[in-house]
Amino acid sequence: MNTNVSDQFETYFRNLNYSREPQTLYAPVEYTLCGGGKRLRPQLLILSYLLYKDNPQDVFAAAAGMEIFHNFTLLHDDVMDKAQMRRSRPTVHVKWNDNTAILSGDAMLVLAYRYLAQVPDFCHGQVQELINETFMEVMEGQQYDMDFETMSVVSVEQYMEMIRLKTSVLLAACMKLGAILAGAPQKDCEILYNIGINAGLAFQLQDDLLDVYGDPLTFGKNVGGDISCNKKTFMYINARLNASSQMLAELDRWEKYSGNDMKCKIDAVTDIYNKLGIKDICTRKIDNLFQTAIDLFSDLSVTSDRCKVLRGLIESMINRNR
């Protein structure tokens, strides 16, 4: 996104008012929303809008609503996952407590709807339908993610559908929403949605990869968290599909491990990934999904020059370390 537009949105976002009482409810909201983040979802929304219109400030409220919703999900996810760190800081349930994280997250969901209600009358119904379906899908994805923790076998297809719901649909909805607010052709709205789905799948797989191989100083979360929690990630599922009987026995042993030496568990499972080339399998899948997203840009009705900045953002999503 143009640096000036990005700075304008960040100023707008940081100036949102959370000064209501009780502060025990709103302080965690401000802590979360003003604590950094990639602002990827607002960027996707605003840049999709800018494919057709030139006044980005008109969609700042909608972009804020989608960012607030995303952060609401993080508060609840961190409680469910017992995550200790988020964006290199203690998570809300660690800094305060579980009840505060849940209730402050609930408040953020209401705030998200408040800002998303500020859309023009011409598209109000279409926007409400999109965000209601998207928000429900995100929660369905989170439920699948939790269900997988107690399932002995999860297929690659089941996992990809889970991350489509949990991660991709929100990115895709931001892109489609930007186009809807700009009055773009319906065909373009759907193309942008599909770009977001493919980029979102790749983005989540990249997150899975960084959870194992990322630098904790830049990743912002504890590396190995998925392994510690026995998450059925793309990498873990593929490890089981490719493992020898001896490796399967080792993976089973660590999955049942109830000790306190999580580093030993993370190192042992990562070593199996290394021997099986799981990092390369995951990287190839990421590359294929990103290429599908990039190829779809040629189907839009706008010029390639107009798409340059948005396309650049999508391309940059693959080269991240956090």
C-alpha atoms as a PDB file:
ATOM      1  CA  MET A   1       0.000   0.000   0.000  1.00  0.00           C
ATOM      2  CA  ASN A   2       1.164   3.546  -0.684  1.00  0.00           C
ATOM      3  CA  THR A   3       3.134   4.587   2.401  1.00  0.00           C
ATOM      4  CA  ASN A   4       1.055   7.736   2.811  1.00  0.00           C
ATOM      5  CA  VAL A   5      -2.229   5.801   2.685  1.00  0.00           C
ATOM      6  CA  SER A   6      -0.841   3.153   5.042  1.00  0.00           C
ATOM      7  CA  ASP A   7       0.223   5.844   7.529  1.00  0.00           C
ATOM      8  CA  GLN A   8      -3.154   7.551   7.239  1.00  0.00           C
ATOM      9  CA  PHE A   9      -4.974   4.329   8.039  1.00  0.00           C
ATOM     10  CA  GLU A  10      -2.663   3.539  10.949  1.00  0.00           C
ATOM     11  CA  THR A  11      -3.291   7.019  12.382  1.00  0.00           C
ATOM     12  CA  TYR A  12      -7.034   6.550  11.929  1.00  0.00           C
ATOM     13  CA  PHE A  13      -6.904   3.122  13.547  1.00  0.00           C
ATOM     14  CA  ARG A  14      -4.803   4.187  16.520  1.00  0.00           C
ATOM     15  CA  ASN A  15      -7.092   7.160  17.151  1.00  0.00           C
ATOM     16  CA  LEU A  16     -10.192   4.992  17.589  1.00  0.00           C
ATOM     17  CA  ASN A  17     -11.638   5.704  21.011  1.00  0.00           C
ATOM     18  CA  TYR A  18     -11.615   3.031  23.725  1.00  0.00           C
ATOM     19  CA  SER A  19     -12.025   5.401  26.673  1.00  0.00           C
ATOM     20  CA  ARG A  20     -15.355   3.989  27.866  1.00  0.00           C
ATOM     21  CA  GLU A  21     -15.745   2.415  31.273  1.00  0.00           C
ATOM     22  CA  PRO A  22     -14.910   0.010  32.748  1.00  0.00           C
ATOM     23  CA  GLN A  23     -11.283   0.256  31.730  1.00  0.00           C
ATOM     24  CA  THR A  24     -10.779  -3.349  32.831  1.00  0.00           C
ATOM     25  CA  LEU A  25     -12.798  -4.239  29.712  1.00  0.00           C
ATOM     26  CA  TYR A  26     -11.306  -1.708  27.290  1.00  0.00           C
ATOM     27  CA  ALA A  27      -7.627  -1.666  28.345  1.00  0.00           C
ATOM     28  CA  PRO A  28      -7.054  -5.159  26.839  1.00  0.00           C
ATOM     29  CA  VAL A  29      -8.823  -4.006  23.663  1.00  0.00           C
ATOM     30  CA  GLU A  30      -6.468  -1.065  23.294  1.00  0.00           C
ATOM     31  CA  TYR A  31      -3.474  -3.240  24.247  1.00  0.00           C
ATOM     32  CA  THR A  32      -4.381  -5.624  21.429  1.00  0.00           C
ATOM     33  CA  LEU A  33      -5.340  -3.174  18.701  1.00  0.00           C
ATOM     34  CA  CYS A  34      -2.482  -0.756  19.284  1.00  0.00           C
ATOM     35  CA  GLY A  35       0.133  -3.474  19.758  1.00  0.00           C
ATOM     36  CA  GLY A  36       1.216  -3.690  16.150  1.00  0.00           C
ATOM     37  CA  GLY A  37       0.478  -6.365  13.623  1.00  0.00           C
ATOM     38  CA  LYS A  38       0.845  -6.640   9.872  1.00  0.00           C
ATOM     39  CA  ARG A  39      -2.473  -4.895   9.134  1.00  0.00           C
ATOM     40  CA  LEU A  40      -2.715  -7.284   6.212  1.00  0.00           C
ATOM     41  CA  ARG A  41      -6.504  -7.400   6.115  1.00  0.00           C
ATOM     42  CA  PRO A  42      -7.002  -3.606   6.004  1.00  0.00           C
ATOM     43  CA  GLN A  43      -4.314  -3.382   3.336  1.00  0.00           C
ATOM     44  CA  LEU A  44      -6.042  -5.991   1.174  1.00  0.00           C
ATOM     45  CA  LEU A  45      -9.388  -4.228   1.554  1.00  0.00           C
ATOM     46  CA  ILE A  46      -8.066  -0.751   0.812  1.00  0.00           C
ATOM     47  CA  LEU A  47      -5.900  -1.835  -2.126  1.00  0.00           C
ATOM     48  CA  SER A  48      -8.788  -3.790  -3.650  1.00  0.00           C
ATOM     49  CA  TYR A  49     -10.915  -0.645  -3.371  1.00  0.00           C
ATOM     50  CA  LEU A  50      -8.131   1.416  -4.979  1.00  0.00           C
ATOM     51  CA  LEU A  51      -8.291  -0.758  -8.092  1.00  0.00           C
ATOM     52  CA  TYR A  52     -11.473   1.154  -8.956  1.00  0.00           C
ATOM     53  CA  LYS A  53     -11.622   4.321  -6.835  1.00  0.00           C
ATOM     54  CA  ASP A  54      -9.100   6.857  -5.567  1.00  0.00           C
ATOM     55  CA  ASN A  55     -10.445   7.973  -2.171  1.00  0.00           C
ATOM     56  CA  PRO A  56      -9.215   5.339   0.319  1.00  0.00           C
ATOM     57  CA  GLN A  57     -10.382   7.257   3.398  1.00  0.00           C
ATOM     58  CA  ASP A  58     -13.945   6.286   2.450  1.00  0.00           C
ATOM     59  CA  VAL A  59     -13.245   2.647   3.402  1.00  0.00           C
ATOM     60  CA  PHE A  60     -11.128   3.175   6.515  1.00  0.00           C
ATOM     61  CA  ALA A  61     -14.075   2.340   8.807  1.00  0.00           C
ATOM     62  CA  ALA A  62     -14.739  -0.962   7.009  1.00  0.00           C
ATOM     63  CA  ALA A  63     -11.019  -1.788   7.026  1.00  0.00           C
ATOM     64  CA  ALA A  64     -10.912  -1.075  10.762  1.00  0.00           C
ATOM     65  CA  GLY A  65     -13.919  -3.328  11.317  1.00  0.00           C
ATOM     66  CA  MET A  66     -12.246  -6.274   9.594  1.00  0.00           C
ATOM     67  CA  GLU A  67      -9.001  -5.708  11.512  1.00  0.00           C
ATOM     68  CA  ILE A  68     -10.865  -5.534  14.818  1.00  0.00           C
ATOM     69  CA  PHE A  69     -12.713  -8.769  14.015  1.00  0.00           C
ATOM     70  CA  HIS A  70      -9.412 -10.477  13.193  1.00  0.00           C
ATOM     71  CA  ASN A  71      -7.951  -9.379  16.515  1.00  0.00           C
ATOM     72  CA  PHE A  72     -11.071 -10.556  18.345  1.00  0.00           C
ATOM     73  CA  THR A  73     -10.403 -14.056  17.004  1.00  0.00           C
ATOM     74  CA  LEU A  74      -6.802 -13.881  18.209  1.00  0.00           C
ATOM     75  CA  LEU A  75      -7.821 -13.163  21.808  1.00  0.00           C
ATOM     76  CA  HIS A  76     -10.077 -16.199  21.886  1.00  0.00           C
ATOM     77  CA  ASP A  77      -7.655 -18.401  19.919  1.00  0.00           C
ATOM     78  CA  ASP A  78      -4.875 -17.629  22.390  1.00  0.00           C
ATOM     79  CA  VAL A  79      -7.069 -18.704  25.300  1.00  0.00           C
ATOM     80  CA  MET A  80      -8.006 -21.960  23.542  1.00  0.00           C
ATOM     81  CA  ASP A  81      -4.413 -22.679  22.512  1.00  0.00           C
ATOM     82  CA  LYS A  82      -2.960 -21.505  25.845  1.00  0.00           C
ATOM     83  CA  ALA A  83      -0.580 -19.343  23.807  1.00  0.00           C
ATOM     84  CA  GLN A  84       1.885 -17.319  25.875  1.00  0.00           C
ATOM     85  CA  MET A  85       3.115 -14.791  23.299  1.00  0.00           C
ATOM     86  CA  ARG A  86       1.547 -12.763  20.521  1.00  0.00           C
ATOM     87  CA  ARG A  87       3.491 -10.141  18.539  1.00  0.00           C
ATOM     88  CA  SER A  88       6.444 -10.556  20.900  1.00  0.00           C
ATOM     89  CA  ARG A  89       4.316  -9.621  23.932  1.00  0.00           C
ATOM     90  CA  PRO A  90       2.371 -11.592  26.542  1.00  0.00           C
ATOM     91  CA  THR A  91      -1.068 -12.595  25.294  1.00  0.00           C
ATOM     92  CA  VAL A  92      -4.088 -10.916  26.890  1.00  0.00           C
ATOM     93  CA  HIS A  93      -5.068 -13.962  28.945  1.00  0.00           C
ATOM     94  CA  VAL A  94      -1.507 -14.094  30.329  1.00  0.00           C
ATOM     95  CA  LYS A  95      -1.258 -10.360  31.061  1.00  0.00           C
ATOM     96  CA  TRP A  96      -4.766 -10.278  32.570  1.00  0.00           C
ATOM     97  CA  ASN A  97      -6.689 -13.577  32.757  1.00  0.00           C
ATOM     98  CA  ASP A  98      -8.855 -15.917  30.683  1.00  0.00           C
ATOM     99  CA  ASN A  99     -12.154 -14.236  31.596  1.00  0.00           C
ATOM    100  CA  THR A 100     -10.855 -10.814  30.612  1.00  0.00           C
ATOM    101  CA  ALA A 101      -9.570 -12.106  27.273  1.00  0.00           C
ATOM    102  CA  ILE A 102     -12.938 -13.700  26.495  1.00  0.00           C
ATOM    103  CA  LEU A 103     -15.016 -10.666  27.461  1.00  0.00           C
ATOM    104  CA  SER A 104     -12.719  -8.107  25.838  1.00  0.00           C
ATOM    105  CA  GLY A 105     -12.759 -10.259  22.717  1.00  0.00           C
ATOM    106  CA  ASP A 106     -16.555 -10.198  22.777  1.00  0.00           C
ATOM    107  CA  ALA A 107     -16.453  -6.394  23.001  1.00  0.00           C
ATOM    108  CA  MET A 108     -14.163  -6.316  19.957  1.00  0.00           C
ATOM    109  CA  LEU A 109     -16.676  -8.356  17.950  1.00  0.00           C
ATOM    110  CA  VAL A 110     -19.358  -5.733  18.671  1.00  0.00           C
ATOM    111  CA  LEU A 111     -16.913  -2.947  17.770  1.00  0.00           C
ATOM    112  CA  ALA A 112     -16.161  -4.696  14.474  1.00  0.00           C
ATOM    113  CA  TYR A 113     -19.836  -4.739  13.546  1.00  0.00           C
ATOM    114  CA  ARG A 114     -20.173  -1.085  14.563  1.00  0.00           C
ATOM    115  CA  TYR A 115     -17.514   0.023  12.076  1.00  0.00           C
ATOM    116  CA  LEU A 116     -18.707  -2.326   9.342  1.00  0.00           C
ATOM    117  CA  ALA A 117     -22.212  -0.855   9.648  1.00  0.00           C
ATOM    118  CA  GLN A 118     -20.855   2.434   8.272  1.00  0.00           C
ATOM    119  CA  VAL A 119     -21.022   1.291   4.636  1.00  0.00           C
ATOM    120  CA  PRO A 120     -23.050   3.087   1.931  1.00  0.00           C
ATOM    121  CA  ASP A 121     -26.710   2.210   1.501  1.00  0.00           C
ATOM    122  CA  PHE A 122     -26.187   0.935  -2.069  1.00  0.00           C
ATOM    123  CA  CYS A 123     -24.242  -2.113  -0.832  1.00  0.00           C
ATOM    124  CA  HIS A 124     -25.377  -2.462   2.765  1.00  0.00           C
ATOM    125  CA  GLY A 125     -27.261  -5.721   2.241  1.00  0.00           C
ATOM    126  CA  GLN A 126     -24.482  -7.297   0.174  1.00  0.00           C
ATOM    127  CA  VAL A 127     -21.875  -6.317   2.767  1.00  0.00           C
ATOM    128  CA  GLN A 128     -23.912  -7.689   5.668  1.00  0.00           C
ATOM    129  CA  GLU A 129     -24.408 -10.991   3.864  1.00  0.00           C
ATOM    130  CA  LEU A 130     -20.682 -11.255   3.134  1.00  0.00           C
ATOM    131  CA  ILE A 131     -19.453 -10.462   6.636  1.00  0.00           C
ATOM    132  CA  ASN A 132     -22.062 -12.587   8.413  1.00  0.00           C
ATOM    133  CA  GLU A 133     -21.187 -15.633   6.300  1.00  0.00           C
ATOM    134  CA  THR A 134     -17.459 -14.944   6.645  1.00  0.00           C
ATOM    135  CA  PHE A 135     -17.570 -14.523  10.411  1.00  0.00           C
ATOM    136  CA  MET A 136     -19.519 -17.769  10.827  1.00  0.00           C
ATOM    137  CA  GLU A 137     -17.058 -19.603   8.567  1.00  0.00           C
ATOM    138  CA  VAL A 138     -14.097 -18.357  10.616  1.00  0.00           C
ATOM    139  CA  MET A 139     -15.691 -19.759  13.761  1.00  0.00           C
ATOM    140  CA  GLU A 140     -16.477 -23.037  11.984  1.00  0.00           C
ATOM    141  CA  GLY A 141     -12.806 -23.242  11.037  1.00  0.00           C
ATOM    142  CA  GLN A 142     -11.751 -22.696  14.638  1.00  0.00           C
ATOM    143  CA  GLN A 143     -14.076 -25.475  15.769  1.00  0.00           C
ATOM    144  CA  TYR A 144     -12.602 -27.854  13.190  1.00  0.00           C
ATOM    145  CA  ASP A 145      -9.148 -26.890  14.437  1.00  0.00           C
ATOM    146  CA  MET A 146     -10.128 -27.867  17.979  1.00  0.00           C
ATOM    147  CA  ASP A 147     -11.878 -31.030  16.780  1.00  0.00           C
ATOM    148  CA  PHE A 148      -8.684 -32.123  15.042  1.00  0.00           C
ATOM    149  CA  GLU A 149      -6.865 -32.170  18.390  1.00  0.00           C
ATOM    150  CA  THR A 150      -8.864 -35.226  19.480  1.00  0.00           C
ATOM    151  CA  MET A 151      -9.019 -36.975  16.084  1.00  0.00           C
ATOM    152  CA  SER A 152      -6.486 -39.737  15.520  1.00  0.00           C
ATOM    153  CA  VAL A 153      -6.388 -39.175  11.742  1.00  0.00           C
ATOM    154  CA  VAL A 154      -6.823 -35.929   9.807  1.00  0.00           C
ATOM    155  CA  SER A 155      -6.433 -35.881   6.026  1.00  0.00           C
ATOM    156  CA  VAL A 156      -4.645 -33.201   4.027  1.00  0.00           C
ATOM    157  CA  GLU A 157      -8.007 -32.335   2.442  1.00  0.00           C
ATOM    158  CA  GLN A 158      -9.649 -31.876   5.850  1.00  0.00           C
ATOM    159  CA  TYR A 159      -6.785 -29.693   6.990  1.00  0.00           C
ATOM    160  CA  MET A 160      -6.889 -27.499   3.885  1.00  0.00           C
ATOM    161  CA  GLU A 161     -10.634 -26.991   4.329  1.00  0.00           C
ATOM    162  CA  MET A 162     -10.104 -26.051   7.974  1.00  0.00           C
ATOM    163  CA  ILE A 163      -7.529 -23.366   7.149  1.00  0.00           C
ATOM    164  CA  ARG A 164      -9.688 -22.134   4.251  1.00  0.00           C
ATOM    165  CA  LEU A 165     -12.382 -21.407   6.816  1.00  0.00           C
ATOM    166  CA  LYS A 166     -10.181 -20.264   9.682  1.00  0.00           C
ATOM    167  CA  THR A 167      -7.821 -18.015   7.719  1.00  0.00           C
ATOM    168  CA  SER A 168      -8.489 -17.693   3.987  1.00  0.00           C
ATOM    169  CA  VAL A 169     -12.113 -16.605   3.945  1.00  0.00           C
ATOM    170  CA  LEU A 170     -11.376 -13.485   6.007  1.00  0.00           C
ATOM    171  CA  LEU A 171      -8.555 -12.388   3.689  1.00  0.00           C
ATOM    172  CA  ALA A 172     -10.751 -13.145   0.685  1.00  0.00           C
ATOM    173  CA  ALA A 173     -13.701 -11.268   2.189  1.00  0.00           C
ATOM    174  CA  CYS A 174     -11.521  -8.192   2.753  1.00  0.00           C
ATOM    175  CA  MET A 175     -10.588  -8.138  -0.925  1.00  0.00           C
ATOM    176  CA  LYS A 176     -14.162  -8.708  -2.082  1.00  0.00           C
ATOM    177  CA  LEU A 177     -15.457  -6.100   0.370  1.00  0.00           C
ATOM    178  CA  GLY A 178     -13.047  -3.478  -0.982  1.00  0.00           C
ATOM    179  CA  ALA A 179     -14.288  -4.177  -4.497  1.00  0.00           C
ATOM    180  CA  ILE A 180     -17.963  -4.098  -3.427  1.00  0.00           C
ATOM    181  CA  LEU A 181     -17.483  -0.722  -1.724  1.00  0.00           C
ATOM    182  CA  ALA A 182     -15.928   0.594  -4.938  1.00  0.00           C
ATOM    183  CA  GLY A 183     -18.891  -0.579  -7.023  1.00  0.00           C
ATOM    184  CA  ALA A 184     -16.713  -3.015  -8.994  1.00  0.00           C
ATOM    185  CA  PRO A 185     -18.213  -5.532 -11.458  1.00  0.00           C
ATOM    186  CA  GLN A 186     -19.500  -8.692  -9.792  1.00  0.00           C
ATOM    187  CA  LYS A 187     -17.056 -10.811 -11.795  1.00  0.00           C
ATOM    188  CA  ASP A 188     -14.120  -8.822 -10.411  1.00  0.00           C
ATOM    189  CA  CYS A 189     -15.477  -9.169  -6.860  1.00  0.00           C
ATOM    190  CA  GLU A 190     -15.444 -12.952  -7.248  1.00  0.00           C
ATOM    191  CA  ILE A 191     -11.974 -13.021  -8.835  1.00  0.00           C
ATOM    192  CA  LEU A 192     -10.561 -10.973  -5.969  1.00  0.00           C
ATOM    193  CA  TYR A 193     -12.243 -13.316  -3.504  1.00  0.00           C
ATOM    194  CA  ASN A 194     -10.560 -16.304  -5.186  1.00  0.00           C
ATOM    195  CA  ILE A 195      -7.202 -14.531  -5.142  1.00  0.00           C
ATOM    196  CA  GLY A 196      -7.677 -14.068  -1.408  1.00  0.00           C
ATOM    197  CA  ILE A 197      -8.611 -17.715  -0.860  1.00  0.00           C
ATOM    198  CA  ASN A 198      -5.460 -19.016  -2.562  1.00  0.00           C
ATOM    199  CA  ALA A 199      -3.192 -16.407  -0.991  1.00  0.00           C
ATOM    200  CA  GLY A 200      -4.775 -17.096   2.393  1.00  0.00           C
ATOM    201  CA  LEU A 201      -4.161 -20.833   2.160  1.00  0.00           C
ATOM    202  CA  ALA A 202      -0.534 -20.152   1.287  1.00  0.00           C
ATOM    203  CA  PHE A 203      -0.293 -17.580   4.078  1.00  0.00           C
ATOM    204  CA  GLN A 204      -1.487 -20.083   6.693  1.00  0.00           C
ATOM    205  CA  LEU A 205       0.854 -22.794   5.438  1.00  0.00           C
ATOM    206  CA  GLN A 206       3.656 -20.234   5.691  1.00  0.00           C
ATOM    207  CA  ASP A 207       2.580 -19.654   9.304  1.00  0.00           C
ATOM    208  CA  ASP A 208       2.761 -23.406   9.943  1.00  0.00           C
ATOM    209  CA  LEU A 209       6.252 -23.429   8.435  1.00  0.00           C
ATOM    210  CA  LEU A 210       7.419 -20.485  10.535  1.00  0.00           C
ATOM    211  CA  ASP A 211       6.035 -22.114  13.674  1.00  0.00           C
ATOM    212  CA  VAL A 212       8.661 -24.822  13.211  1.00  0.00           C
ATOM    213  CA  TYR A 213      11.474 -23.074  11.348  1.00  0.00           C
ATOM    214  CA  GLY A 214      10.986 -19.388  12.162  1.00  0.00           C
ATOM    215  CA  ASP A 215      13.216 -17.161  14.266  1.00  0.00           C
ATOM    216  CA  PRO A 216      11.414 -16.492  17.572  1.00  0.00           C
ATOM    217  CA  LEU A 217      12.878 -12.977  17.646  1.00  0.00           C
ATOM    218  CA  THR A 218      11.066 -12.046  14.413  1.00  0.00           C
ATOM    219  CA  PHE A 219       8.180 -14.545  14.408  1.00  0.00           C
ATOM    220  CA  GLY A 220       6.627 -12.941  17.506  1.00  0.00           C
ATOM    221  CA  LYS A 221       5.424 -16.265  18.957  1.00  0.00           C
ATOM    222  CA  ASN A 222       7.120 -19.230  20.554  1.00  0.00           C
ATOM    223  CA  VAL A 223       8.538 -21.488  17.842  1.00  0.00           C
ATOM    224  CA  GLY A 224       7.290 -25.062  18.115  1.00  0.00           C
ATOM    225  CA  GLY A 225       3.913 -24.174  19.589  1.00  0.00           C
ATOM    226  CA  ASP A 226       2.029 -26.359  17.099  1.00  0.00           C
ATOM    227  CA  ILE A 227       4.208 -29.360  17.948  1.00  0.00           C
ATOM    228  CA  SER A 228       3.801 -28.757  21.686  1.00  0.00           C
ATOM    229  CA  CYS A 229       0.000 -28.691  21.320  1.00  0.00           C
ATOM    230  CA  ASN A 230      -0.139 -31.714  18.989  1.00  0.00           C
ATOM    231  CA  LYS A 231      -1.675 -29.602  16.212  1.00  0.00           C
ATOM    232  CA  LYS A 232      -2.568 -31.582  13.081  1.00  0.00           C
ATOM    233  CA  THR A 233      -0.850 -29.165  10.715  1.00  0.00           C
ATOM    234  CA  PHE A 234      -0.076 -29.675   7.026  1.00  0.00           C
ATOM    235  CA  MET A 235       3.482 -30.514   8.035  1.00  0.00           C
ATOM    236  CA  TYR A 236       2.511 -33.022  10.722  1.00  0.00           C
ATOM    237  CA  ILE A 237      -0.061 -34.734   8.486  1.00  0.00           C
ATOM    238  CA  ASN A 238       2.471 -35.084   5.670  1.00  0.00           C
ATOM    239  CA  ALA A 239       5.072 -36.380   8.102  1.00  0.00           C
ATOM    240  CA  ARG A 240       2.730 -39.189   9.115  1.00  0.00           C
ATOM    241  CA  LEU A 241       1.935 -39.940   5.454  1.00  0.00           C
ATOM    242  CA  ASN A 242       5.627 -40.251   4.586  1.00  0.00           C
ATOM    243  CA  ALA A 243       7.053 -41.697   7.804  1.00  0.00           C
ATOM    244  CA  SER A 244       8.513 -45.150   8.260  1.00  0.00           C
ATOM    245  CA  SER A 245       6.966 -47.426  10.877  1.00  0.00           C
ATOM    246  CA  GLN A 246       9.764 -46.470  13.257  1.00  0.00           C
ATOM    247  CA  MET A 247       9.136 -42.769  12.711  1.00  0.00           C
ATOM    248  CA  LEU A 248       5.385 -43.255  13.186  1.00  0.00           C
ATOM    249  CA  ALA A 249       6.041 -44.936  16.498  1.00  0.00           C
ATOM    250  CA  GLU A 250       8.244 -42.007  17.487  1.00  0.00           C
ATOM    251  CA  LEU A 251       5.567 -39.469  16.477  1.00  0.00           C
ATOM    252  CA  ASP A 252       2.964 -41.431  18.447  1.00  0.00           C
ATOM    253  CA  ARG A 253       5.212 -41.477  21.494  1.00  0.00           C
ATOM    254  CA  TRP A 254       5.713 -37.724  21.427  1.00  0.00           C
ATOM    255  CA  GLU A 255       2.017 -37.082  20.788  1.00  0.00           C
ATOM    256  CA  LYS A 256       1.236 -38.903  24.046  1.00  0.00           C
ATOM    257  CA  TYR A 257       4.100 -37.234  25.911  1.00  0.00           C
ATOM    258  CA  SER A 258       2.942 -35.626  29.167  1.00  0.00           C
ATOM    259  CA  GLY A 259       6.260 -34.389  30.505  1.00  0.00           C
ATOM    260  CA  ASN A 260       7.517 -30.830  30.856  1.00  0.00           C
ATOM    261  CA  ASP A 261      10.480 -30.924  28.449  1.00  0.00           C
ATOM    262  CA  MET A 262       8.753 -29.375  25.443  1.00  0.00           C
ATOM    263  CA  LYS A 263      12.052 -28.426  23.825  1.00  0.00           C
ATOM    264  CA  CYS A 264      13.023 -32.083  23.640  1.00  0.00           C
ATOM    265  CA  LYS A 265       9.668 -32.906  22.034  1.00  0.00           C
ATOM    266  CA  ILE A 266       9.922 -30.038  19.529  1.00  0.00           C
ATOM    267  CA  ASP A 267      13.487 -30.984  18.591  1.00  0.00           C
ATOM    268  CA  ALA A 268      12.596 -34.661  18.124  1.00  0.00           C
ATOM    269  CA  VAL A 269       9.565 -34.000  15.888  1.00  0.00           C
ATOM    270  CA  THR A 270      11.452 -31.344  13.911  1.00  0.00           C
ATOM    271  CA  ASP A 271      14.238 -33.857  13.326  1.00  0.00           C
ATOM    272  CA  ILE A 272      11.695 -36.235  11.766  1.00  0.00           C
ATOM    273  CA  TYR A 273      10.433 -33.398   9.563  1.00  0.00           C
ATOM    274  CA  ASN A 274      13.997 -32.738   8.448  1.00  0.00           C
ATOM    275  CA  LYS A 275      14.665 -36.376   7.574  1.00  0.00           C
ATOM    276  CA  LEU A 276      11.439 -36.565   5.528  1.00  0.00           C
ATOM    277  CA  GLY A 277      11.913 -33.259   3.682  1.00  0.00           C
ATOM    278  CA  ILE A 278       8.622 -31.913   5.037  1.00  0.00           C
ATOM    279  CA  LYS A 279       9.829 -28.329   4.800  1.00  0.00           C
ATOM    280  CA  ASP A 280      10.280 -28.726   1.025  1.00  0.00           C
ATOM    281  CA  ILE A 281       6.852 -30.375   0.627  1.00  0.00           C
ATOM    282  CA  CYS A 282       5.241 -27.458   2.440  1.00  0.00           C
ATOM    283  CA  THR A 283       7.226 -24.859   0.494  1.00  0.00           C
ATOM    284  CA  ARG A 284       6.169 -26.346  -2.859  1.00  0.00           C
ATOM    285  CA  LYS A 285       2.511 -26.239  -1.824  1.00  0.00           C
ATOM    286  CA  ILE A 286       2.889 -22.612  -0.750  1.00  0.00           C
ATOM    287  CA  ASP A 287       4.511 -21.695  -4.060  1.00  0.00           C
ATOM    288  CA  ASN A 288       1.741 -23.374  -6.077  1.00  0.00           C
ATOM    289  CA  LEU A 289      -1.021 -21.600  -4.162  1.00  0.00           C
ATOM    290  CA  PHE A 290       0.633 -18.207  -4.483  1.00  0.00           C
ATOM    291  CA  GLN A 291       1.147 -18.723  -8.212  1.00  0.00           C
ATOM    292  CA  THR A 292      -2.549 -19.534  -8.626  1.00  0.00           C
ATOM    293  CA  ALA A 293      -3.406 -16.302  -6.808  1.00  0.00           C
ATOM    294  CA  ILE A 294      -1.038 -14.240  -8.964  1.00  0.00           C
ATOM    295  CA  ASP A 295      -2.298 -15.776 -12.222  1.00  0.00           C
ATOM    296  CA  LEU A 296      -5.873 -14.715 -11.403  1.00  0.00           C
ATOM    297  CA  PHE A 297      -4.928 -11.030 -11.621  1.00  0.00           C
ATOM    298  CA  SER A 298      -4.917 -11.294 -15.425  1.00  0.00           C
ATOM    299  CA  ASP A 299      -8.686 -11.991 -15.357  1.00  0.00           C
ATOM    300  CA  LEU A 300      -9.595  -8.671 -13.709  1.00  0.00           C
ATOM    301  CA  SER A 301     -11.166  -5.884 -15.766  1.00  0.00           C
ATOM    302  CA  VAL A 302      -8.630  -3.276 -14.595  1.00  0.00           C
ATOM    303  CA  THR A 303      -5.219  -2.675 -16.160  1.00  0.00           C
ATOM    304  CA  SER A 304      -2.140  -4.524 -14.942  1.00  0.00           C
ATOM    305  CA  ASP A 305      -0.643  -1.171 -13.938  1.00  0.00           C
ATOM    306  CA  ARG A 306      -3.620  -0.538 -11.666  1.00  0.00           C
ATOM    307  CA  CYS A 307      -3.067  -3.960 -10.045  1.00  0.00           C
ATOM    308  CA  LYS A 308       0.631  -3.415  -9.422  1.00  0.00           C
ATOM    309  CA  VAL A 309       0.517  -2.449  -5.737  1.00  0.00           C
ATOM    310  CA  LEU A 310      -2.050  -5.077  -4.704  1.00  0.00           C
ATOM    311  CA  ARG A 311      -0.235  -7.751  -6.646  1.00  0.00           C
ATOM    312  CA  GLY A 312       3.007  -6.680  -4.971  1.00  0.00           C
ATOM    313  CA  LEU A 313       1.426  -7.106  -1.553  1.00  0.00           C
ATOM    314  CA  ILE A 314       0.248 -10.622  -2.429  1.00  0.00           C
ATOM    315  CA  GLU A 315       3.726 -11.491  -3.703  1.00  0.00           C
ATOM    316  CA  SER A 316       5.323 -10.118  -0.530  1.00  0.00           C
ATOM    317  CA  MET A 317       3.232 -12.435   1.613  1.00  0.00           C
ATOM    318  CA  ILE A 318       5.426 -15.381   0.616  1.00  0.00           C
ATOM    319  CA  ASN A 319       8.659 -13.661   1.654  1.00  0.00           C
ATOM    320  CA  ARG A 320       7.918 -13.065   5.310  1.00  0.00           C
ATOM    321  CA  ASN A 321       9.566 -14.106   8.544  1.00  0.00           C
ATOM    322  CA  ARG A 322       6.726 -13.287  10.940  1.00  0.00           C
END
